All heavy atoms as atom14 arrays in JSON, in Angstrom:
{
  "sequence": "WYEFFPRSTAQEAGRHGTFKDCERLLPRIAEMGFDTI",
  "atom14_mask": [
    [1, 1, 1, 1, 1, 1, 1, 1, 1, 1, 1, 1, 1, 1],
    [1, 1, 1, 1, 1, 1, 1, 1, 1, 1, 1, 1, 0, 0],
    [1, 1, 1, 1, 1, 1, 1, 1, 1, 0, 0, 0, 0, 0],
    [1, 1, 1, 1, 1, 1, 1, 1, 1, 1, 1, 0, 0, 0],
    [1, 1, 1, 1, 1, 1, 1, 1, 1, 1, 1, 0, 0, 0],
    [1, 1, 1, 1, 1, 1, 1, 0, 0, 0, 0, 0, 0, 0],
    [1, 1, 1, 1, 1, 1, 1, 1, 1, 1, 1, 0, 0, 0],
    [1, 1, 1, 1, 1, 1, 0, 0, 0, 0, 0, 0, 0, 0],
    [1, 1, 1, 1, 1, 1, 1, 0, 0, 0, 0, 0, 0, 0],
    [1, 1, 1, 1, 1, 0, 0, 0, 0, 0, 0, 0, 0, 0],
    [1, 1, 1, 1, 1, 1, 1, 1, 1, 0, 0, 0, 0, 0],
    [1, 1, 1, 1, 1, 1, 1, 1, 1, 0, 0, 0, 0, 0],
    [1, 1, 1, 1, 1, 0, 0, 0, 0, 0, 0, 0, 0, 0],
    [1, 1, 1, 1, 0, 0, 0, 0, 0, 0, 0, 0, 0, 0],
    [1, 1, 1, 1, 1, 1, 1, 1, 1, 1, 1, 0, 0, 0],
    [1, 1, 1, 1, 1, 1, 1, 1, 1, 1, 0, 0, 0, 0],
    [1, 1, 1, 1, 0, 0, 0, 0, 0, 0, 0, 0, 0, 0],
    [1, 1, 1, 1, 1, 1, 1, 0, 0, 0, 0, 0, 0, 0],
    [1, 1, 1, 1, 1, 1, 1, 1, 1, 1, 1, 0, 0, 0],
    [1, 1, 1, 1, 1, 1, 1, 1, 1, 0, 0, 0, 0, 0],
    [1, 1, 1, 1, 1, 1, 1, 1, 0, 0, 0, 0, 0, 0],
    [1, 1, 1, 1, 1, 1, 0, 0, 0, 0, 0, 0, 0, 0],
    [1, 1, 1, 1, 1, 1, 1, 1, 1, 0, 0, 0, 0, 0],
    [1, 1, 1, 1, 1, 1, 1, 1, 1, 1, 1, 0, 0, 0],
    [1, 1, 1, 1, 1, 1, 1, 1, 0, 0, 0, 0, 0, 0],
    [1, 1, 1, 1, 1, 1, 1, 1, 0, 0, 0, 0, 0, 0],
    [1, 1, 1, 1, 1, 1, 1, 0, 0, 0, 0, 0, 0, 0],
    [1, 1, 1, 1, 1, 1, 1, 1, 1, 1, 1, 0, 0, 0],
    [1, 1, 1, 1, 1, 1, 1, 1, 0, 0, 0, 0, 0, 0],
    [1, 1, 1, 1, 1, 0, 0, 0, 0, 0, 0, 0, 0, 0],
    [1, 1, 1, 1, 1, 1, 1, 1, 1, 0, 0, 0, 0, 0],
    [1, 1, 1, 1, 1, 1, 1, 1, 0, 0, 0, 0, 0, 0],
    [1, 1, 1, 1, 0, 0, 0, 0, 0, 0, 0, 0, 0, 0],
    [1, 1, 1, 1, 1, 1, 1, 1, 1, 1, 1, 0, 0, 0],
    [1, 1, 1, 1, 1, 1, 1, 1, 0, 0, 0, 0, 0, 0],
    [1, 1, 1, 1, 1, 1, 1, 0, 0, 0, 0, 0, 0, 0],
    [1, 1, 1, 1, 1, 1, 1, 1, 0, 0, 0, 0, 0, 0]
  ],
  "atom14_positions": [
    [[-8.65, -2.2, 10.92], [-7.23, -2.29, 10.6], [-7.01, -3.06, 9.3], [-7.64, -4.07, 9.04], [-6.49, -3.01, 11.72], [-6.53, -2.35, 13.06], [-7.63, -1.93, 13.77], [-5.39, -2.04, 13.88], [-7.25, -1.4, 14.97], [-5.88, -1.46, 15.08], [-4.02, -2.22, 13.74], [-5.04, -1.06, 16.11], [-3.19, -1.81, 14.77], [-3.68, -1.22, 15.93]],
    [[-6.04, -2.56, 8.51], [-5.63, -3.24, 7.29], [-4.13, -3.4, 7.33], [-3.38, -2.43, 7.4], [-6.05, -2.41, 6.07], [-5.81, -3.11, 4.75], [-6.85, -3.84, 4.15], [-4.59, -3.02, 4.08], [-6.66, -4.48, 2.92], [-4.41, -3.66, 2.87], [-5.43, -4.38, 2.28], [-5.24, -5.01, 1.07], [0.0, 0.0, 0.0], [0.0, 0.0, 0.0]],
    [[-3.66, -4.65, 7.28], [-2.24, -4.94, 7.34], [-1.71, -5.29, 5.95], [-2.31, -6.09, 5.21], [-1.96, -6.11, 8.28], [-0.51, -6.55, 8.35], [-0.27, -7.73, 9.27], [-1.26, -8.28, 9.81], [0.91, -8.1, 9.44], [0.0, 0.0, 0.0], [0.0, 0.0, 0.0], [0.0, 0.0, 0.0], [0.0, 0.0, 0.0], [0.0, 0.0, 0.0]],
    [[-0.57, -4.69, 5.62], [0.12, -5.1, 4.39], [1.62, -4.87, 4.57], [2.07, -4.1, 5.43], [-0.41, -4.35, 3.15], [-0.07, -2.87, 3.12], [1.11, -2.4, 2.59], [-1.0, -1.94, 3.58], [1.41, -1.04, 2.54], [-0.71, -0.58, 3.54], [0.5, -0.13, 3.01], [0.0, 0.0, 0.0], [0.0, 0.0, 0.0], [0.0, 0.0, 0.0]],
    [[2.39, -5.55, 3.72], [3.84, -5.42, 3.77], [4.26, -4.32, 2.79], [4.04, -4.44, 1.58], [4.5, -6.76, 3.37], [4.42, -7.83, 4.4], [3.22, -8.49, 4.65], [5.53, -8.2, 5.11], [3.14, -9.47, 5.59], [5.48, -9.21, 6.08], [4.27, -9.85, 6.31], [0.0, 0.0, 0.0], [0.0, 0.0, 0.0], [0.0, 0.0, 0.0]],
    [[4.9, -3.28, 3.26], [5.32, -2.18, 2.37], [6.23, -2.63, 1.23], [6.2, -2.07, 0.14], [6.02, -1.18, 3.27], [5.75, -1.6, 4.65], [5.24, -2.99, 4.66], [0.0, 0.0, 0.0], [0.0, 0.0, 0.0], [0.0, 0.0, 0.0], [0.0, 0.0, 0.0], [0.0, 0.0, 0.0], [0.0, 0.0, 0.0], [0.0, 0.0, 0.0]],
    [[7.01, -3.67, 1.47], [7.94, -4.07, 0.44], [7.25, -4.75, -0.74], [7.84, -4.97, -1.79], [9.0, -5.02, 1.03], [8.47, -6.38, 1.49], [9.52, -7.11, 2.26], [9.16, -8.48, 2.63], [9.88, -9.29, 3.39], [11.0, -8.84, 3.9], [9.49, -10.49, 3.66], [0.0, 0.0, 0.0], [0.0, 0.0, 0.0], [0.0, 0.0, 0.0]],
    [[5.94, -5.08, -0.56], [5.19, -5.73, -1.65], [4.22, -4.77, -2.34], [3.2, -5.2, -2.86], [4.41, -6.93, -1.08], [5.25, -7.91, -0.58], [0.0, 0.0, 0.0], [0.0, 0.0, 0.0], [0.0, 0.0, 0.0], [0.0, 0.0, 0.0], [0.0, 0.0, 0.0], [0.0, 0.0, 0.0], [0.0, 0.0, 0.0], [0.0, 0.0, 0.0]],
    [[4.53, -3.5, -2.34], [3.62, -2.5, -2.9], [4.03, -1.96, -4.25], [3.34, -1.1, -4.79], [3.47, -1.32, -1.91], [4.76, -0.77, -1.63], [2.81, -1.78, -0.6], [0.0, 0.0, 0.0], [0.0, 0.0, 0.0], [0.0, 0.0, 0.0], [0.0, 0.0, 0.0], [0.0, 0.0, 0.0], [0.0, 0.0, 0.0], [0.0, 0.0, 0.0]],
    [[5.15, -2.42, -4.79], [5.63, -1.89, -6.07], [4.66, -2.22, -7.19], [4.03, -3.28, -7.22], [6.99, -2.45, -6.39], [0.0, 0.0, 0.0], [0.0, 0.0, 0.0], [0.0, 0.0, 0.0], [0.0, 0.0, 0.0], [0.0, 0.0, 0.0], [0.0, 0.0, 0.0], [0.0, 0.0, 0.0], [0.0, 0.0, 0.0], [0.0, 0.0, 0.0]],
    [[4.53, -1.3, -8.13], [3.67, -1.53, -9.31], [4.28, -2.56, -10.23], [3.55, -3.31, -10.9], [3.43, -0.22, -10.05], [2.53, 0.76, -9.29], [2.33, 2.04, -10.08], [3.21, 2.85, -10.21], [1.12, 2.17, -10.66], [0.0, 0.0, 0.0], [0.0, 0.0, 0.0], [0.0, 0.0, 0.0], [0.0, 0.0, 0.0], [0.0, 0.0, 0.0]],
    [[5.61, -2.59, -10.32], [6.28, -3.5, -11.22], [6.78, -4.72, -10.49], [7.3, -4.63, -9.37], [7.48, -2.82, -11.91], [7.18, -1.47, -12.5], [7.31, -0.35, -11.49], [7.85, -0.59, -10.39], [6.82, 0.76, -11.78], [0.0, 0.0, 0.0], [0.0, 0.0, 0.0], [0.0, 0.0, 0.0], [0.0, 0.0, 0.0], [0.0, 0.0, 0.0]],
    [[6.6, -5.89, -11.1], [7.1, -7.11, -10.51], [8.62, -7.09, -10.41], [9.28, -6.54, -11.3], [6.66, -8.32, -11.31], [0.0, 0.0, 0.0], [0.0, 0.0, 0.0], [0.0, 0.0, 0.0], [0.0, 0.0, 0.0], [0.0, 0.0, 0.0], [0.0, 0.0, 0.0], [0.0, 0.0, 0.0], [0.0, 0.0, 0.0], [0.0, 0.0, 0.0]],
    [[9.16, -7.62, -9.32], [10.61, -7.69, -9.19], [11.23, -6.49, -8.54], [12.46, -6.44, -8.33], [0.0, 0.0, 0.0], [0.0, 0.0, 0.0], [0.0, 0.0, 0.0], [0.0, 0.0, 0.0], [0.0, 0.0, 0.0], [0.0, 0.0, 0.0], [0.0, 0.0, 0.0], [0.0, 0.0, 0.0], [0.0, 0.0, 0.0], [0.0, 0.0, 0.0]],
    [[10.44, -5.47, -8.19], [10.97, -4.27, -7.58], [10.51, -4.23, -6.1], [9.39, -4.61, -5.78], [10.51, -3.02, -8.28], [11.07, -1.73, -7.66], [10.81, -0.5, -8.54], [9.39, -0.16, -8.64], [8.74, 0.57, -7.7], [9.39, 0.96, -6.6], [7.47, 0.87, -7.86], [0.0, 0.0, 0.0], [0.0, 0.0, 0.0], [0.0, 0.0, 0.0]],
    [[11.39, -3.76, -5.24], [11.09, -3.61, -3.81], [10.19, -2.41, -3.62], [10.46, -1.31, -4.14], [12.41, -3.4, -3.04], [12.27, -3.58, -1.56], [11.6, -2.69, -0.74], [12.72, -4.58, -0.73], [11.66, -3.1, 0.51], [12.34, -4.25, 0.55], [0.0, 0.0, 0.0], [0.0, 0.0, 0.0], [0.0, 0.0, 0.0], [0.0, 0.0, 0.0]],
    [[9.11, -2.57, -2.87], [8.19, -1.47, -2.62], [8.8, -0.4, -1.72], [9.73, -0.68, -0.95], [0.0, 0.0, 0.0], [0.0, 0.0, 0.0], [0.0, 0.0, 0.0], [0.0, 0.0, 0.0], [0.0, 0.0, 0.0], [0.0, 0.0, 0.0], [0.0, 0.0, 0.0], [0.0, 0.0, 0.0], [0.0, 0.0, 0.0], [0.0, 0.0, 0.0]],
    [[8.26, 0.8, -1.81], [8.75, 1.95, -1.03], [7.58, 2.64, -0.35], [6.41, 2.34, -0.61], [9.48, 2.94, -1.94], [8.5, 3.53, -2.83], [10.58, 2.28, -2.74], [0.0, 0.0, 0.0], [0.0, 0.0, 0.0], [0.0, 0.0, 0.0], [0.0, 0.0, 0.0], [0.0, 0.0, 0.0], [0.0, 0.0, 0.0], [0.0, 0.0, 0.0]],
    [[7.91, 3.61, 0.49], [6.83, 4.39, 1.13], [6.05, 5.2, 0.08], [4.86, 5.48, 0.25], [7.42, 5.33, 2.18], [7.99, 4.61, 3.38], [9.28, 4.89, 3.84], [7.25, 3.62, 4.02], [9.79, 4.24, 4.91], [7.78, 2.93, 5.1], [9.07, 3.24, 5.56], [0.0, 0.0, 0.0], [0.0, 0.0, 0.0], [0.0, 0.0, 0.0]],
    [[6.73, 5.58, -0.99], [6.03, 6.27, -2.08], [4.99, 5.34, -2.71], [3.89, 5.77, -3.09], [7.01, 6.76, -3.13], [7.89, 7.92, -2.67], [7.06, 9.17, -2.38], [7.94, 10.34, -2.0], [7.15, 11.55, -1.68], [0.0, 0.0, 0.0], [0.0, 0.0, 0.0], [0.0, 0.0, 0.0], [0.0, 0.0, 0.0], [0.0, 0.0, 0.0]],
    [[5.33, 4.06, -2.86], [4.36, 3.09, -3.36], [3.21, 2.92, -2.38], [2.03, 2.75, -2.78], [5.04, 1.73, -3.6], [6.05, 1.77, -4.72], [5.73, 2.28, -5.82], [7.18, 1.3, -4.51], [0.0, 0.0, 0.0], [0.0, 0.0, 0.0], [0.0, 0.0, 0.0], [0.0, 0.0, 0.0], [0.0, 0.0, 0.0], [0.0, 0.0, 0.0]],
    [[3.53, 2.97, -1.1], [2.49, 2.86, -0.09], [1.52, 4.01, -0.18], [0.3, 3.85, -0.02], [3.1, 2.83, 1.32], [4.08, 1.35, 1.68], [0.0, 0.0, 0.0], [0.0, 0.0, 0.0], [0.0, 0.0, 0.0], [0.0, 0.0, 0.0], [0.0, 0.0, 0.0], [0.0, 0.0, 0.0], [0.0, 0.0, 0.0], [0.0, 0.0, 0.0]],
    [[2.04, 5.21, -0.45], [1.16, 6.4, -0.63], [0.17, 6.16, -1.75], [-0.98, 6.59, -1.65], [2.01, 7.63, -0.89], [2.73, 8.16, 0.31], [3.45, 9.47, 0.02], [3.04, 10.17, -0.94], [4.42, 9.8, 0.72], [0.0, 0.0, 0.0], [0.0, 0.0, 0.0], [0.0, 0.0, 0.0], [0.0, 0.0, 0.0], [0.0, 0.0, 0.0]],
    [[0.6, 5.51, -2.8], [-0.28, 5.24, -3.95], [-1.48, 4.38, -3.57], [-2.53, 4.47, -4.17], [0.55, 4.56, -5.05], [-0.22, 4.24, -6.31], [0.69, 3.64, -7.37], [1.47, 2.52, -6.85], [0.98, 1.25, -6.8], [-0.26, 1.02, -7.24], [1.71, 0.28, -6.32], [0.0, 0.0, 0.0], [0.0, 0.0, 0.0], [0.0, 0.0, 0.0]],
    [[-1.32, 3.57, -2.53], [-2.41, 2.7, -2.09], [-3.4, 3.33, -1.17], [-4.46, 2.79, -0.89], [-1.81, 1.46, -1.39], [-0.96, 0.51, -2.24], [-0.45, -0.62, -1.37], [-1.78, -0.02, -3.42], [0.0, 0.0, 0.0], [0.0, 0.0, 0.0], [0.0, 0.0, 0.0], [0.0, 0.0, 0.0], [0.0, 0.0, 0.0], [0.0, 0.0, 0.0]],
    [[-3.05, 4.51, -0.65], [-3.92, 5.14, 0.34], [-5.35, 5.38, -0.15], [-6.3, 5.05, 0.59], [-3.31, 6.44, 0.81], [-2.05, 6.3, 1.68], [-1.39, 7.63, 1.95], [-2.39, 5.61, 3.01], [0.0, 0.0, 0.0], [0.0, 0.0, 0.0], [0.0, 0.0, 0.0], [0.0, 0.0, 0.0], [0.0, 0.0, 0.0], [0.0, 0.0, 0.0]],
    [[-5.59, 5.9, -1.36], [-6.98, 6.09, -1.78], [-7.75, 4.77, -1.82], [-8.94, 4.72, -1.46], [-6.84, 6.7, -3.18], [-5.48, 7.36, -3.17], [-4.64, 6.45, -2.33], [0.0, 0.0, 0.0], [0.0, 0.0, 0.0], [0.0, 0.0, 0.0], [0.0, 0.0, 0.0], [0.0, 0.0, 0.0], [0.0, 0.0, 0.0], [0.0, 0.0, 0.0]],
    [[-7.07, 3.7, -2.25], [-7.72, 2.39, -2.32], [-8.15, 1.91, -0.95], [-9.28, 1.45, -0.73], [-6.75, 1.38, -2.96], [-7.28, -0.03, -3.03], [-6.13, -0.95, -3.46], [-6.59, -2.28, -3.78], [-6.78, -3.25, -2.9], [-6.53, -3.02, -1.62], [-7.2, -4.45, -3.3], [0.0, 0.0, 0.0], [0.0, 0.0, 0.0], [0.0, 0.0, 0.0]],
    [[-7.25, 2.0, 0.05], [-7.55, 1.49, 1.38], [-8.58, 2.39, 2.06], [-9.46, 1.9, 2.78], [-6.25, 1.41, 2.19], [-5.32, 0.36, 1.53], [-6.52, 1.05, 3.63], [-3.94, 0.32, 2.13], [0.0, 0.0, 0.0], [0.0, 0.0, 0.0], [0.0, 0.0, 0.0], [0.0, 0.0, 0.0], [0.0, 0.0, 0.0], [0.0, 0.0, 0.0]],
    [[-8.5, 3.7, 1.81], [-9.51, 4.6, 2.36], [-10.88, 4.29, 1.76], [-11.88, 4.34, 2.45], [-9.1, 6.05, 2.09], [0.0, 0.0, 0.0], [0.0, 0.0, 0.0], [0.0, 0.0, 0.0], [0.0, 0.0, 0.0], [0.0, 0.0, 0.0], [0.0, 0.0, 0.0], [0.0, 0.0, 0.0], [0.0, 0.0, 0.0], [0.0, 0.0, 0.0]],
    [[-10.91, 4.04, 0.46], [-12.17, 3.69, -0.21], [-12.78, 2.41, 0.39], [-14.01, 2.3, 0.5], [-11.97, 3.52, -1.72], [-13.23, 3.22, -2.48], [-12.96, 2.93, -3.94], [-11.77, 3.01, -4.36], [-13.91, 2.62, -4.68], [0.0, 0.0, 0.0], [0.0, 0.0, 0.0], [0.0, 0.0, 0.0], [0.0, 0.0, 0.0], [0.0, 0.0, 0.0]],
    [[-11.95, 1.5, 0.79], [-12.44, 0.27, 1.41], [-12.94, 0.5, 2.83], [-13.61, -0.37, 3.39], [-11.33, -0.8, 1.43], [-10.97, -1.36, 0.06], [-9.66, -2.59, 0.17], [-10.51, -3.93, 1.01], [0.0, 0.0, 0.0], [0.0, 0.0, 0.0], [0.0, 0.0, 0.0], [0.0, 0.0, 0.0], [0.0, 0.0, 0.0], [0.0, 0.0, 0.0]],
    [[-12.64, 1.67, 3.4], [-13.25, 2.03, 4.68], [-12.38, 1.76, 5.9], [-12.85, 1.83, 7.04], [0.0, 0.0, 0.0], [0.0, 0.0, 0.0], [0.0, 0.0, 0.0], [0.0, 0.0, 0.0], [0.0, 0.0, 0.0], [0.0, 0.0, 0.0], [0.0, 0.0, 0.0], [0.0, 0.0, 0.0], [0.0, 0.0, 0.0], [0.0, 0.0, 0.0]],
    [[-11.07, 1.48, 5.71], [-10.21, 1.22, 6.84], [-9.66, 2.54, 7.4], [-9.37, 3.47, 6.63], [-9.06, 0.31, 6.44], [-9.51, -1.1, 6.18], [-9.74, -1.54, 4.88], [-9.74, -1.97, 7.23], [-10.17, -2.83, 4.63], [-10.17, -3.28, 6.99], [-10.38, -3.7, 5.69], [0.0, 0.0, 0.0], [0.0, 0.0, 0.0], [0.0, 0.0, 0.0]],
    [[-9.51, 2.61, 8.71], [-8.99, 3.83, 9.34], [-7.6, 3.64, 9.95], [-7.0, 4.58, 10.49], [-9.95, 4.34, 10.41], [-10.27, 3.28, 11.45], [-9.34, 2.7, 12.04], [-11.48, 3.03, 11.72], [0.0, 0.0, 0.0], [0.0, 0.0, 0.0], [0.0, 0.0, 0.0], [0.0, 0.0, 0.0], [0.0, 0.0, 0.0], [0.0, 0.0, 0.0]],
    [[-7.07, 2.4, 9.87], [-5.75, 2.12, 10.41], [-4.98, 1.21, 9.48], [-5.51, 0.15, 9.09], [-5.85, 1.43, 11.8], [-6.68, 2.23, 12.66], [-4.47, 1.3, 12.42], [0.0, 0.0, 0.0], [0.0, 0.0, 0.0], [0.0, 0.0, 0.0], [0.0, 0.0, 0.0], [0.0, 0.0, 0.0], [0.0, 0.0, 0.0], [0.0, 0.0, 0.0]],
    [[-3.8, 1.63, 9.08], [-2.92, 0.79, 8.31], [-1.83, 0.28, 9.26], [-1.16, 1.1, 9.92], [-2.26, 1.56, 7.15], [-3.26, 1.78, 6.03], [-1.04, 0.82, 6.61], [-2.76, 2.65, 4.91], [0.0, 0.0, 0.0], [0.0, 0.0, 0.0], [0.0, 0.0, 0.0], [0.0, 0.0, 0.0], [0.0, 0.0, 0.0], [0.0, 0.0, 0.0]]
  ]
}
């Protein structure tokens, strides 16, 4: 399991993260070998 806060996923500082930003992280988390977010 890998836990993260979706609101902290924005690429730019000062912006609220979105589910689209979360999608951008999927390859990274998959590469690390986690099967549950």
